Amino acid sequence: MTVCIAESPVNSTGSFESRAHAIQSRLDELIDRDDLAHSLHFGWFDRPYAKAMMAIAFKIASVAERELTLRKTSREAMTDEQLDAMLSWCETAISRAALLPCNPDFRPDRIRFERKEFLMLQVPPLWAFVDDASATRADADWGDMDLLAAIGQKIYVPARLSSVTQQLHANTVFDSSSDDTPEPREEDLSDVPELAVPKPLRQNTHSMSIQELARRAASLGMGFAISYSPPPAAQNRANEKKVESLGFQITARTLRELIENSSTNPQADVLEAGSDATEGESIGGWLARRALMRGANGKTRTAVINWRSPAGFPAESPQAIRAAMWIAALDGQQIALLNGWRDLRDGRIHREPSIFLSADVLEAQAHTALDMLRFAPIVRAFDQRPSLAIVIDSNVISAQNSNQWANWILPLFDRLTAINIHFDVIPVANAQSLEHSGRYANVLTPRPNSLESPAVLDQIVATVVSKFDQKDFPRAYDNDGNEARQLYFRIADSGGHLFIAIINECDRPRTIRLSTAAKAKSFHDLLMPTNMLMRLDKIDLAAWQVRILEAQ
């Protein structure tokens, strides 16, 4: 079934109630809320980008409807400004979806992966929201599984399991990086409408088993995963077996755990992942965190729980989040779990804000994830081991927080990142005979007193740079002739086919010149709808723009 979308916008005048009713009426013309899987997920099969936008619109409209219901009992969960922004986004989303192209050759619903592919990270860069939604009329049994599938998500991760699996869920948390994680608490929900009560408190909702959840996810083309941090206790082994037979487990490791318990032969039945810092860290520390994940597991690919953008990439900016997602993927991140897919008032305290308050960011995340799935072979071309290894031990970790870098090591990470030197971070236990293994051309072993002054750091960085030739170390320059900063770029040669990724890491437009050993004279940006060619001596970049260039 191919769906036609009218381009006329929804009426954006009147009261919140009338606007919400108009939005729901338009959505009801396009989507059968009683059968989301067929009317949306499979019904819009040839329009994956429009389908993702419509799934988001359906959810945002439901959240707005819930808010209006809560306001009848003076239990509002958002401000008037937030509700207005939410409705305004929905009012334009349907007409904008009509402008998105049809992609009959790109069918995310048909892209499926085996359990072993997830565990071995032999997948394209995949992004998955942990489903922390309360039960709704549309999805009374499985949170928002159908909507997440329609967005294009290829992994389903439930945040809260039904009463059948409460023992398994007892150990499921998503952040072991800080000791100040607030304990969940229940509010007095006696006067809250039933629609606003979270699933574990609903007595009339059918409880689904792990098997049922996993089968439902598989029918929608998604792998099924359970996230643990720390690893599950021994007494839950019987429940673990249920997960292993149907999906896979993913376990978060702090920086200290990655260093002290590193192994190039991790558990075959558990995917070990890093966890981003609770507070935003510099782009250098953020990339070094992923470099340590690679160094600890001996692979070129990583997985991350609690994904967050680095400091300087505003969480409320769709363009900045898109840029950060592309940097992570090009750096080898294959699986990322995101928080925030949760309702605003569900009787619990949350560290993460609800993503539904930032519909434009959610749209950018969904469409960027689809881009990475569509261009998976090209992204894979950048999957190359760095030529520099930085060998470290546990003294690089903060004494106060096991998931935070010590202050003395960050200047080195930041300086190398600023000049686009790609590196791995290797735990000392894995570094035996590293220089003779052929895996890395250069090995650096910093010590706390070796970075005691900017002059010493300058000398170390200059020594590292001197060991790279132009092929391994391209340069970028701004219009004023100075070497470009706040710029991420990588070059990949896949079977003689040249690709260059360039990402503007700031909110100002700029024009840059790239100096490389590449012989190609013109390039086409794969992410742009036009076939306009550009040269490396003049590349225009909008704020936070991502360009994936292909040599012509």
Protein backbone atom coordinates (compact mmCIF):
# COMPACT_ATOMS: atom_id res chain seq x y z
CA MET A 1 0.00 0.00 0.00
CA THR A 2 1.36 3.38 -1.00
CA VAL A 3 0.06 6.32 1.01
CA CYS A 4 -0.66 9.77 -0.43
CA ILE A 5 -0.19 12.69 1.93
CA ALA A 6 -1.95 15.99 1.44
CA GLU A 7 0.46 18.89 1.52
CA SER A 8 -1.93 21.34 3.19
CA PRO A 9 -0.86 22.12 6.76
CA VAL A 10 -3.02 21.48 9.80
CA ASN A 11 -4.80 24.59 11.11
CA SER A 12 -2.50 26.11 13.74
CA THR A 13 -4.95 28.57 15.30
CA GLY A 14 -7.29 28.25 18.25
CA SER A 15 -6.98 26.71 21.70
CA PHE A 16 -4.61 23.91 22.61
CA GLU A 17 -7.59 21.54 22.65
CA SER A 18 -8.81 22.49 19.18
CA ARG A 19 -5.33 22.29 17.72
CA ALA A 20 -4.72 18.86 19.26
CA HIS A 21 -8.08 17.64 17.93
CA ALA A 22 -7.23 18.88 14.41
CA ILE A 23 -3.88 17.08 14.51
CA GLN A 24 -5.45 13.84 15.70
CA SER A 25 -8.12 14.07 13.01
CA ARG A 26 -5.51 14.43 10.28
CA LEU A 27 -3.46 11.54 11.68
CA ASP A 28 -6.57 9.35 11.86
CA GLU A 29 -7.02 9.89 8.12
CA LEU A 30 -3.55 8.46 7.48
CA ILE A 31 -2.92 5.95 10.28
CA ASP A 32 -5.08 3.30 11.91
CA ARG A 33 -4.18 3.68 15.58
CA ASP A 34 -5.63 0.23 16.31
CA ASP A 35 -3.21 -1.41 13.86
CA LEU A 36 0.00 0.62 13.72
CA ALA A 37 2.09 -2.28 12.44
CA HIS A 38 0.12 -2.67 9.21
CA SER A 39 -1.13 0.86 8.63
CA LEU A 40 2.19 2.60 9.37
CA HIS A 41 5.18 0.27 9.67
CA PHE A 42 4.33 -1.88 6.64
CA GLY A 43 1.83 0.49 5.00
CA TRP A 44 4.47 3.16 4.41
CA PHE A 45 7.16 0.71 3.34
CA ASP A 46 8.42 2.76 0.38
CA ARG A 47 8.66 6.05 2.29
CA PRO A 48 10.92 5.32 5.28
CA TYR A 49 11.74 8.96 6.05
CA ALA A 50 8.11 10.07 5.86
CA LYS A 51 7.12 7.01 7.89
CA ALA A 52 9.57 7.96 10.64
CA MET A 53 8.18 11.51 10.73
CA MET A 54 4.62 10.25 10.91
CA ALA A 55 5.48 7.84 13.73
CA ILE A 56 7.01 10.72 15.67
CA ALA A 57 3.96 12.89 14.95
CA PHE A 58 1.68 10.14 16.20
CA LYS A 59 3.63 9.87 19.45
CA ILE A 60 4.00 13.62 19.98
CA ALA A 61 0.26 14.09 19.38
CA SER A 62 -0.47 11.35 21.93
CA VAL A 63 1.81 13.04 24.48
CA ALA A 64 0.02 16.35 23.87
CA GLU A 65 -3.34 14.64 24.28
CA ARG A 66 -2.18 13.12 27.56
CA GLU A 67 -1.00 16.53 28.76
CA LEU A 68 -4.40 18.06 28.04
CA THR A 69 -6.04 15.23 29.97
CA LEU A 70 -3.71 15.81 32.93
CA ARG A 71 -4.50 19.52 32.88
CA LYS A 72 -8.14 18.75 33.60
CA THR A 73 -7.02 17.63 37.07
CA SER A 74 -4.35 20.34 37.46
CA ARG A 75 -1.52 17.81 37.02
CA GLU A 76 0.22 19.41 34.03
CA ALA A 77 3.67 18.07 33.14
CA MET A 78 4.87 20.83 30.82
CA THR A 79 4.69 24.57 30.29
CA ASP A 80 2.40 26.32 27.82
CA GLU A 81 5.47 27.15 25.73
CA GLN A 82 6.49 23.49 25.56
CA LEU A 83 2.99 22.34 24.64
CA ASP A 84 2.73 25.04 21.96
CA ALA A 85 6.10 23.98 20.46
CA MET A 86 4.97 20.35 20.46
CA LEU A 87 1.71 21.15 18.66
CA SER A 88 3.45 23.51 16.23
CA TRP A 89 5.88 20.78 15.20
CA CYS A 90 3.02 18.33 14.61
CA GLU A 91 1.08 20.89 12.59
CA THR A 92 3.88 21.17 10.03
CA ALA A 93 5.16 17.57 10.16
CA ILE A 94 2.49 16.04 7.94
CA SER A 95 2.89 18.59 5.15
CA ARG A 96 6.69 18.34 5.37
CA ALA A 97 6.46 14.57 5.19
CA ALA A 98 4.71 14.97 1.83
CA LEU A 99 7.88 16.56 0.45
CA LEU A 100 10.15 13.68 1.47
CA PRO A 101 11.15 11.44 -1.43
CA CYS A 102 9.95 7.94 -2.07
CA ASN A 103 12.73 5.37 -1.57
CA PRO A 104 11.51 2.07 -3.08
CA ASP A 105 15.04 0.62 -3.09
CA PHE A 106 15.63 1.39 0.60
CA ARG A 107 13.48 -0.88 2.76
CA PRO A 108 14.53 -0.72 6.43
CA ASP A 109 11.68 -3.08 7.35
CA ARG A 110 13.42 -5.80 5.33
CA ILE A 111 16.86 -5.24 6.85
CA ARG A 112 17.38 -7.81 9.59
CA PHE A 113 20.34 -9.00 11.61
CA GLU A 114 21.15 -12.23 13.40
CA ARG A 115 21.98 -12.37 17.10
CA LYS A 116 25.64 -13.12 16.41
CA GLU A 117 25.88 -10.06 14.16
CA PHE A 118 24.79 -7.82 17.03
CA LEU A 119 27.21 -9.50 19.44
CA MET A 120 30.12 -9.23 17.01
CA LEU A 121 29.15 -5.67 16.01
CA GLN A 122 28.94 -6.80 12.40
CA VAL A 123 26.13 -4.35 11.71
CA PRO A 124 25.85 -0.83 10.29
CA PRO A 125 25.74 2.01 12.82
CA LEU A 126 22.47 1.38 14.68
CA TRP A 127 20.69 3.76 17.05
CA ALA A 128 17.99 2.62 19.44
CA PHE A 129 15.91 4.45 22.00
CA VAL A 130 15.37 2.44 25.15
CA ASP A 131 11.59 2.10 25.33
CA ASP A 132 10.69 3.72 28.63
CA ALA A 133 7.19 4.72 27.56
CA SER A 134 4.17 4.11 29.73
CA ALA A 135 1.48 1.88 28.31
CA THR A 136 -0.87 3.73 26.00
CA ARG A 137 -4.13 2.99 24.21
CA ALA A 138 -2.17 2.42 21.03
CA ASP A 139 0.35 0.02 22.56
CA ALA A 140 -1.13 -1.34 25.76
CA ASP A 141 1.12 -4.38 25.92
CA TRP A 142 4.50 -3.34 24.61
CA GLY A 143 5.08 0.33 25.22
CA ASP A 144 5.94 1.96 21.90
CA MET A 145 7.45 -1.01 20.10
CA ASP A 146 5.41 -0.49 16.92
CA LEU A 147 6.29 3.20 16.72
CA LEU A 148 9.99 2.56 17.30
CA ALA A 149 9.93 0.00 14.50
CA ALA A 150 8.23 2.53 12.21
CA ILE A 151 10.94 5.08 12.97
CA GLY A 152 13.43 2.56 11.57
CA GLN A 153 14.95 1.25 14.79
CA LYS A 154 16.58 -2.18 14.37
CA ILE A 155 16.98 -3.05 18.05
CA TYR A 156 14.22 -3.11 20.66
CA VAL A 157 15.34 -2.53 24.25
CA PRO A 158 12.62 -2.44 26.93
CA ALA A 159 13.38 -0.25 29.92
CA ARG A 160 10.78 -1.83 32.16
CA LEU A 161 9.54 -5.37 31.82
CA SER A 162 6.11 -6.72 32.79
CA SER A 163 5.38 -8.52 36.06
CA VAL A 164 6.25 -11.84 34.47
CA THR A 165 9.88 -10.68 34.21
CA GLN A 166 10.23 -8.45 37.28
CA GLN A 167 13.02 -10.59 38.75
CA LEU A 168 15.06 -10.14 35.59
CA HIS A 169 14.26 -6.43 35.51
CA ALA A 170 15.35 -5.92 39.12
CA ASN A 171 18.96 -5.59 37.99
CA THR A 172 18.26 -3.47 34.91
CA VAL A 173 19.67 0.04 35.25
CA PHE A 174 21.25 2.27 32.70
CA ASP A 175 23.96 4.24 34.46
CA SER A 176 26.66 2.88 36.74
CA SER A 177 28.95 5.82 36.08
CA SER A 178 27.85 7.88 39.07
CA ASP A 179 27.02 7.21 42.67
CA ASP A 180 24.34 9.88 42.82
CA THR A 181 21.74 8.24 40.58
CA PRO A 182 18.37 9.05 42.16
CA GLU A 183 16.30 6.14 43.39
CA PRO A 184 12.94 5.77 41.64
CA ARG A 185 9.93 6.84 43.67
CA GLU A 186 6.21 6.58 43.12
CA GLU A 187 3.91 9.56 43.34
CA ASP A 188 0.32 9.55 44.51
CA LEU A 189 -1.43 8.67 41.27
CA SER A 190 -4.86 8.05 42.69
CA ASP A 191 -6.40 11.04 40.90
CA VAL A 192 -4.42 10.76 37.67
CA PRO A 193 -6.35 9.51 34.62
CA GLU A 194 -5.63 5.90 33.72
CA LEU A 195 -3.80 6.87 30.53
CA ALA A 196 -1.09 8.57 32.59
CA VAL A 197 -0.35 5.61 34.88
CA PRO A 198 2.86 3.72 34.03
CA LYS A 199 2.65 0.14 32.90
CA PRO A 200 3.97 -1.58 36.07
CA LEU A 201 1.06 -0.03 38.03
CA ARG A 202 -1.68 -0.97 35.58
CA GLN A 203 -3.57 -3.98 36.86
CA ASN A 204 -5.72 -4.41 33.75
CA THR A 205 -2.86 -4.63 31.26
CA HIS A 206 -1.88 -8.03 29.94
CA SER A 207 1.65 -8.95 31.04
CA MET A 208 3.91 -10.03 28.23
CA SER A 209 6.70 -12.51 28.72
CA ILE A 210 10.20 -12.03 27.38
CA GLN A 211 9.40 -14.54 24.66
CA GLU A 212 6.35 -12.57 23.55
CA LEU A 213 8.25 -9.29 23.52
CA ALA A 214 11.09 -10.83 21.51
CA ARG A 215 8.76 -12.46 18.98
CA ARG A 216 6.85 -9.25 18.50
CA ALA A 217 10.11 -7.35 17.94
CA ALA A 218 11.33 -9.97 15.45
CA SER A 219 8.08 -9.74 13.48
CA LEU A 220 8.77 -6.02 13.06
CA GLY A 221 12.37 -6.58 11.92
CA MET A 222 14.06 -5.70 15.20
CA GLY A 223 16.58 -7.55 17.32
CA PHE A 224 15.70 -7.87 21.02
CA ALA A 225 18.12 -6.79 23.73
CA ILE A 226 18.22 -6.50 27.50
CA SER A 227 20.57 -3.90 28.96
CA TYR A 228 22.36 -4.50 32.25
CA SER A 229 24.67 -2.37 34.32
CA PRO A 230 26.19 -4.01 36.29
CA PRO A 231 26.04 -7.57 34.86
CA PRO A 232 23.09 -9.70 36.02
CA ALA A 233 23.43 -11.63 39.27
CA ALA A 234 24.05 -15.36 39.19
CA GLN A 235 20.57 -16.18 40.50
CA ASN A 236 19.05 -14.71 37.36
CA ARG A 237 20.88 -17.12 35.07
CA ALA A 238 17.68 -18.98 34.22
CA ASN A 239 16.11 -15.75 33.01
CA GLU A 240 19.30 -14.87 31.16
CA LYS A 241 18.95 -18.10 29.17
CA LYS A 242 15.54 -16.90 27.99
CA VAL A 243 17.12 -13.74 26.64
CA GLU A 244 20.02 -15.60 25.04
CA SER A 245 17.66 -17.87 23.10
CA LEU A 246 15.71 -14.90 21.73
CA GLY A 247 18.01 -11.89 21.65
CA PHE A 248 21.17 -10.65 23.28
CA GLN A 249 22.40 -8.85 26.37
CA ILE A 250 24.35 -5.62 26.44
CA THR A 251 26.33 -4.62 29.52
CA ALA A 252 27.79 -1.20 30.35
CA ARG A 253 31.40 -0.84 31.50
CA THR A 254 32.91 2.22 33.12
CA LEU A 255 36.30 3.52 31.99
CA ARG A 256 37.96 1.87 34.97
CA GLU A 257 36.31 -1.47 34.21
CA LEU A 258 37.39 -1.24 30.57
CA ILE A 259 41.01 -0.76 31.70
CA GLU A 260 41.19 -3.19 34.62
CA ASN A 261 39.02 -5.94 33.15
CA SER A 262 39.93 -5.58 29.50
CA SER A 263 39.99 -8.67 27.36
CA THR A 264 40.32 -9.28 23.68
CA ASN A 265 38.19 -12.41 24.28
CA PRO A 266 35.05 -11.09 26.03
CA GLN A 267 32.02 -13.23 26.86
CA ALA A 268 30.61 -14.60 23.66
CA ASP A 269 27.00 -14.22 24.82
CA VAL A 270 27.18 -10.64 26.12
CA LEU A 271 27.89 -7.43 24.22
CA GLU A 272 30.14 -5.24 26.35
CA ALA A 273 29.61 -1.52 25.86
CA GLY A 274 30.91 1.73 27.20
CA SER A 275 28.77 4.34 28.89
CA ASP A 276 29.00 8.04 28.12
CA ALA A 277 29.72 10.39 31.01
CA THR A 278 26.75 11.78 32.88
CA GLU A 279 27.99 15.31 32.27
CA GLY A 280 29.10 16.30 28.80
CA GLU A 281 32.83 15.86 28.24
CA SER A 282 35.11 17.46 25.68
CA ILE A 283 35.13 16.07 22.17
CA GLY A 284 38.66 14.76 22.83
CA GLY A 285 37.62 12.89 25.97
CA TRP A 286 34.45 11.68 24.23
CA LEU A 287 36.40 10.20 21.32
CA ALA A 288 39.09 8.82 23.66
CA ARG A 289 36.32 6.99 25.54
CA ARG A 290 35.42 5.19 22.30
CA ALA A 291 39.12 4.68 21.53
CA LEU A 292 39.46 2.87 24.88
CA MET A 293 36.48 0.65 24.04
CA ARG A 294 38.28 -0.37 20.84
CA GLY A 295 41.56 -0.89 22.65
CA ALA A 296 39.93 -2.96 25.38
CA ASN A 297 38.12 -5.35 23.04
CA GLY A 298 40.75 -5.46 20.29
CA LYS A 299 38.20 -4.47 17.63
CA THR A 300 37.69 -1.43 15.46
CA ARG A 301 34.03 -1.14 16.50
CA THR A 302 32.24 -0.12 19.67
CA ALA A 303 28.87 -0.05 21.41
CA VAL A 304 27.64 2.63 23.81
CA ILE A 305 24.90 2.72 26.44
CA ASN A 306 23.59 6.09 27.69
CA TRP A 307 24.73 7.83 24.51
CA ARG A 308 25.22 11.56 24.91
CA SER A 309 26.72 14.22 22.66
CA PRO A 310 30.03 15.80 23.73
CA ALA A 311 30.27 19.19 25.39
CA GLY A 312 29.82 22.03 22.92
CA PHE A 313 27.22 20.08 20.91
CA PRO A 314 23.94 21.49 22.30
CA ALA A 315 21.41 18.77 23.07
CA GLU A 316 18.59 21.05 21.90
CA SER A 317 20.14 21.60 18.45
CA PRO A 318 19.04 19.07 15.79
CA GLN A 319 22.01 19.98 13.59
CA ALA A 320 24.54 19.58 16.42
CA ILE A 321 23.11 16.21 17.45
CA ARG A 322 23.22 15.04 13.84
CA ALA A 323 26.88 16.07 13.61
CA ALA A 324 27.73 14.23 16.84
CA MET A 325 25.94 11.09 15.63
CA TRP A 326 27.95 11.09 12.40
CA ILE A 327 31.25 11.62 14.24
CA ALA A 328 30.48 8.66 16.51
CA ALA A 329 29.56 6.41 13.59
CA LEU A 330 32.61 7.33 11.52
CA ASP A 331 34.73 6.66 14.60
CA GLY A 332 33.54 3.04 14.73
CA GLN A 333 30.46 3.16 16.97
CA GLN A 334 28.07 0.49 15.69
CA ILE A 335 25.40 0.33 18.39
CA ALA A 336 24.18 3.19 20.57
CA LEU A 337 21.35 3.13 23.10
CA LEU A 338 19.70 6.48 23.76
CA ASN A 339 17.59 7.50 26.74
CA GLY A 340 14.69 9.92 26.78
CA TRP A 341 11.89 7.93 25.12
CA ARG A 342 9.67 8.37 28.16
CA ASP A 343 6.46 10.08 29.08
CA LEU A 344 6.68 13.29 31.04
CA ARG A 345 4.58 12.23 34.00
CA ASP A 346 4.81 8.55 34.89
CA GLY A 347 5.37 8.66 38.65
CA ARG A 348 9.16 8.37 38.60
CA ILE A 349 12.22 10.57 38.81
CA HIS A 350 14.38 10.70 35.67
CA ARG A 351 17.86 11.94 35.06
CA GLU A 352 17.20 12.17 31.31
CA PRO A 353 14.77 14.73 29.87
CA SER A 354 11.95 13.42 27.71
CA ILE A 355 12.86 13.55 24.03
CA PHE A 356 9.22 14.38 23.26
CA LEU A 357 9.87 17.95 24.40
CA SER A 358 12.32 18.25 21.50
CA ALA A 359 10.44 16.87 18.52
CA ASP A 360 12.81 18.50 16.02
CA VAL A 361 15.79 16.77 17.67
CA LEU A 362 13.93 13.44 17.62
CA GLU A 363 13.21 13.94 13.92
CA ALA A 364 16.90 14.64 13.26
CA GLN A 365 17.96 11.55 15.21
CA ALA A 366 15.54 9.29 13.36
CA HIS A 367 16.45 10.58 9.91
CA THR A 368 20.19 10.48 10.65
CA ALA A 369 19.91 6.87 11.78
CA LEU A 370 18.13 6.06 8.51
CA ASP A 371 20.89 7.81 6.54
CA MET A 372 23.51 5.64 8.21
CA LEU A 373 21.51 2.50 7.44
CA ARG A 374 21.08 3.57 3.81
CA PHE A 375 24.76 4.46 3.35
CA ALA A 376 26.05 1.52 5.39
CA PRO A 377 28.64 0.34 2.80
CA ILE A 378 30.15 3.82 2.63
CA VAL A 379 30.26 4.22 6.41
CA ARG A 380 31.96 0.83 6.57
CA ALA A 381 34.76 2.16 4.36
CA PHE A 382 35.86 4.39 7.27
CA ASP A 383 36.19 1.34 9.53
CA GLN A 384 40.00 1.44 9.72
CA ARG A 385 42.36 0.89 12.61
CA PRO A 386 44.27 4.07 13.60
CA SER A 387 48.05 4.12 13.23
CA LEU A 388 48.57 5.64 16.71
CA ALA A 389 48.09 3.79 20.01
CA ILE A 390 48.12 5.52 23.40
CA VAL A 391 48.95 3.02 26.16
CA ILE A 392 47.44 3.83 29.55
CA ASP A 393 46.76 2.32 32.95
CA SER A 394 44.20 3.15 35.63
CA ASN A 395 45.96 6.39 36.69
CA VAL A 396 44.17 8.11 33.78
CA ILE A 397 40.84 7.62 35.58
CA SER A 398 39.46 10.13 38.07
CA ALA A 399 39.78 9.04 41.68
CA GLN A 400 36.28 10.39 42.36
CA ASN A 401 34.41 8.84 39.42
CA SER A 402 35.25 5.54 37.75
CA ASN A 403 33.67 6.68 34.50
CA GLN A 404 35.53 9.98 34.15
CA TRP A 405 38.98 10.80 32.80
CA ALA A 406 41.60 12.30 35.12
CA ASN A 407 42.20 15.97 34.34
CA TRP A 408 45.88 15.49 33.44
CA ILE A 409 45.23 13.23 30.41
CA LEU A 410 42.46 15.27 28.76
CA PRO A 411 44.74 17.97 27.23
CA LEU A 412 46.53 15.27 25.23
CA PHE A 413 43.26 13.81 23.93
CA ASP A 414 41.94 17.28 23.11
CA ARG A 415 45.09 18.38 21.26
CA LEU A 416 45.26 15.25 19.13
CA THR A 417 41.55 15.48 18.34
CA ALA A 418 41.87 19.17 17.42
CA ILE A 419 44.33 18.32 14.63
CA ASN A 420 42.35 15.25 13.51
CA ILE A 421 44.74 12.53 14.62
CA HIS A 422 42.79 9.31 15.00
CA PHE A 423 44.03 7.05 17.80
CA ASP A 424 43.26 4.00 19.92
CA VAL A 425 43.64 3.90 23.69
CA ILE A 426 45.14 0.60 24.85
CA PRO A 427 45.04 -0.74 28.44
CA VAL A 428 48.56 -1.61 29.49
CA ALA A 429 47.51 -5.24 30.03
CA ASN A 430 46.76 -5.51 26.30
CA ALA A 431 49.88 -3.68 25.14
CA GLN A 432 52.51 -6.43 25.25
CA SER A 433 54.73 -6.36 22.16
CA LEU A 434 52.42 -3.77 20.66
CA GLU A 435 55.18 -2.07 18.66
CA HIS A 436 56.18 -5.39 17.09
CA SER A 437 52.67 -6.61 16.31
CA GLY A 438 52.28 -4.40 13.25
CA ARG A 439 48.88 -3.17 14.40
CA TYR A 440 50.10 0.38 15.11
CA ALA A 441 52.87 2.40 13.48
CA ASN A 442 53.24 4.66 16.51
CA VAL A 443 52.86 3.98 20.24
CA LEU A 444 52.71 6.68 22.92
CA THR A 445 52.82 6.01 26.67
CA PRO A 446 52.04 9.23 28.58
CA ARG A 447 52.68 9.63 32.30
CA PRO A 448 51.13 12.22 34.67
CA ASN A 449 54.37 14.19 34.95
CA SER A 450 54.99 14.03 31.19
CA LEU A 451 52.22 16.57 30.47
CA GLU A 452 53.24 19.02 33.13
CA SER A 453 53.32 22.12 30.92
CA PRO A 454 51.88 23.35 27.59
CA ALA A 455 55.40 23.45 26.14
CA VAL A 456 55.96 19.77 26.92
CA LEU A 457 52.57 18.91 25.47
CA ASP A 458 53.40 20.88 22.32
CA GLN A 459 56.61 18.87 21.93
CA ILE A 460 54.83 15.55 22.38
CA VAL A 461 52.16 16.44 19.83
CA ALA A 462 54.79 17.72 17.36
CA THR A 463 56.69 14.43 17.70
CA VAL A 464 53.52 12.47 17.00
CA VAL A 465 52.69 14.61 13.95
CA SER A 466 56.19 14.20 12.53
CA LYS A 467 55.62 10.46 12.23
CA PHE A 468 52.70 10.88 9.85
CA ASP A 469 52.98 11.58 6.16
CA GLN A 470 50.43 13.58 4.18
CA LYS A 471 48.45 10.48 3.25
CA ASP A 472 47.84 9.66 6.90
CA PHE A 473 47.63 13.24 8.10
CA PRO A 474 45.65 15.54 5.77
CA ARG A 475 45.28 19.19 6.76
CA ALA A 476 42.35 21.59 6.62
CA TYR A 477 42.54 25.38 6.50
CA ASP A 478 40.01 28.15 7.02
CA ASN A 479 39.62 31.09 4.64
CA ASP A 480 42.13 33.13 6.62
CA GLY A 481 44.85 30.54 5.94
CA ASN A 482 45.02 29.29 9.52
CA GLU A 483 44.69 25.59 10.23
CA ALA A 484 41.03 24.77 10.79
CA ARG A 485 39.84 23.86 14.26
CA GLN A 486 36.47 22.50 15.36
CA LEU A 487 36.45 20.37 12.25
CA TYR A 488 36.26 16.58 11.99
CA PHE A 489 37.37 14.91 8.80
CA ARG A 490 38.36 11.44 7.72
CA ILE A 491 39.48 9.94 4.42
CA ALA A 492 38.65 6.40 3.32
CA ASP A 493 39.84 4.47 0.31
CA SER A 494 37.58 1.51 -0.43
CA GLY A 495 38.89 -0.54 -3.31
CA GLY A 496 40.28 2.51 -5.05
CA HIS A 497 37.09 4.46 -4.40
CA LEU A 498 37.75 7.61 -2.38
CA PHE A 499 35.42 9.04 0.27
CA ILE A 500 35.96 12.07 2.52
CA ALA A 501 33.82 12.86 5.56
CA ILE A 502 33.85 16.49 6.75
CA ILE A 503 31.87 17.71 9.76
CA ASN A 504 31.69 21.28 11.01
CA GLU A 505 31.89 21.13 14.81
CA CYS A 506 30.62 24.64 15.45
CA ASP A 507 27.59 26.86 14.94
CA ARG A 508 29.16 29.23 12.42
CA PRO A 509 29.21 28.80 8.64
CA ARG A 510 32.65 28.58 7.09
CA THR A 511 34.59 27.77 3.95
CA ILE A 512 37.54 25.43 4.28
CA ARG A 513 40.33 24.10 2.07
CA LEU A 514 41.43 20.51 2.43
CA SER A 515 45.04 19.56 1.70
CA THR A 516 45.43 15.84 1.00
CA ALA A 517 47.27 13.43 -1.23
CA ALA A 518 44.00 12.70 -3.04
CA LYS A 519 44.29 12.99 -6.80
CA ALA A 520 40.58 13.32 -7.49
CA LYS A 521 39.62 16.81 -8.67
CA SER A 522 35.88 16.88 -7.96
CA PHE A 523 33.56 15.38 -5.37
CA HIS A 524 29.84 14.88 -4.89
CA ASP A 525 28.12 15.15 -1.50
CA LEU A 526 26.10 11.97 -0.99
CA LEU A 527 23.89 13.60 1.64
CA MET A 528 22.74 16.37 -0.70
CA PRO A 529 19.82 15.82 -3.11
CA THR A 530 21.56 17.63 -5.98
CA ASN A 531 24.49 16.38 -8.03
CA MET A 532 26.49 19.59 -7.67
CA LEU A 533 30.23 18.92 -7.73
CA MET A 534 32.77 20.64 -5.48
CA ARG A 535 36.53 20.90 -5.20
CA LEU A 536 38.62 20.32 -2.10
CA ASP A 537 40.07 23.83 -2.27
CA LYS A 538 36.67 25.39 -1.56
CA ILE A 539 34.21 23.49 0.60
CA ASP A 540 31.33 25.50 2.03
CA LEU A 541 29.99 24.33 5.39
CA ALA A 542 26.85 25.52 7.15
CA ALA A 543 26.67 25.44 10.93
CA TRP A 544 27.15 21.81 12.12
CA GLN A 545 26.97 20.57 8.53
CA VAL A 546 27.93 17.02 7.67
CA ARG A 547 29.32 16.26 4.21
CA ILE A 548 30.13 12.78 2.93
CA LEU A 549 32.05 13.36 -0.30
CA GLU A 550 32.55 10.78 -3.02
CA ALA A 551 35.28 11.24 -5.63
CA GLN A 552 34.00 11.55 -9.18
